[in-house]
Amino acid sequence: MFIGSAHNDKERIIIDSEIGEKTVEELKKNNTGKDKEVAIYFSEMRESFLEMRRYLKKAEKRV
């Protein structure tokens, strides 16, 4: 099951993960088109983690 968006309007997709980059490169070799979807997934997960970190830092300061 795929959760997320297979489409993204961003100019540049930032993966920032060695595993993610390697996975996307391997998928590019298959020419199935899934490489873009997986790259977007890794990018969205990265953004989610960054947002969680930002929120948790704020919460930590309140305690």
Protein backbone atom coordinates (compact mmCIF):
# COMPACT_ATOMS: atom_id res chain seq x y z
CA MET A 1 0.00 0.00 0.00
CA PHE A 2 1.34 3.43 -0.95
CA ILE A 3 0.55 6.34 1.34
CA GLY A 4 1.39 9.80 0.09
CA SER A 5 1.33 11.58 -3.21
CA ALA A 6 2.73 10.27 -6.45
CA HIS A 7 2.81 13.81 -7.80
CA ASN A 8 4.73 16.80 -6.55
CA ASP A 9 4.96 20.30 -7.99
CA LYS A 10 8.34 21.04 -6.44
CA GLU A 11 11.18 21.88 -8.79
CA ARG A 12 13.78 19.99 -6.77
CA ILE A 13 13.11 16.90 -4.68
CA ILE A 14 15.49 16.59 -1.74
CA ILE A 15 15.91 13.03 -0.48
CA ASP A 16 18.92 13.51 1.83
CA SER A 17 19.18 9.77 2.54
CA GLU A 18 21.80 7.35 1.31
CA ILE A 19 19.28 4.51 1.25
CA GLY A 20 16.72 6.69 -0.52
CA GLU A 21 19.17 7.85 -3.16
CA LYS A 22 20.36 4.32 -3.82
CA THR A 23 16.80 3.00 -4.05
CA VAL A 24 15.78 5.70 -6.52
CA GLU A 25 18.86 5.05 -8.65
CA GLU A 26 18.09 1.32 -8.77
CA LEU A 27 14.48 2.02 -9.76
CA LYS A 28 15.60 4.35 -12.57
CA LYS A 29 17.32 1.38 -14.19
CA ASN A 30 13.97 -0.48 -14.42
CA ASN A 31 12.29 2.29 -16.46
CA THR A 32 8.96 1.73 -14.71
CA GLY A 33 8.44 5.34 -13.65
CA LYS A 34 8.34 4.33 -9.99
CA ASP A 35 11.62 6.12 -9.28
CA LYS A 36 9.89 9.53 -9.24
CA GLU A 37 7.14 8.27 -6.92
CA VAL A 38 9.66 6.76 -4.51
CA ALA A 39 11.78 9.92 -4.61
CA ILE A 40 8.71 11.97 -3.69
CA TYR A 41 7.95 9.54 -0.87
CA PHE A 42 11.45 9.89 0.60
CA SER A 43 11.29 13.67 0.19
CA GLU A 44 7.92 13.90 1.96
CA MET A 45 9.14 11.65 4.77
CA ARG A 46 12.19 13.90 5.17
CA GLU A 47 9.93 16.95 5.42
CA SER A 48 7.76 15.15 7.98
CA PHE A 49 10.74 14.29 10.16
CA LEU A 50 12.04 17.84 9.98
CA GLU A 51 8.64 19.18 11.02
CA MET A 52 8.40 16.69 13.91
CA ARG A 53 11.85 17.72 15.07
CA ARG A 54 10.90 21.40 14.92
CA TYR A 55 7.72 20.78 16.90
CA LEU A 56 9.43 18.60 19.51
CA LYS A 57 12.15 21.22 20.04
CA LYS A 58 9.44 23.79 20.78
CA ALA A 59 7.72 21.40 23.19
CA GLU A 60 11.03 20.68 24.92
CA LYS A 61 11.55 24.38 25.60
CA ARG A 62 8.13 24.60 27.30
CA VAL A 63 8.89 21.83 29.81
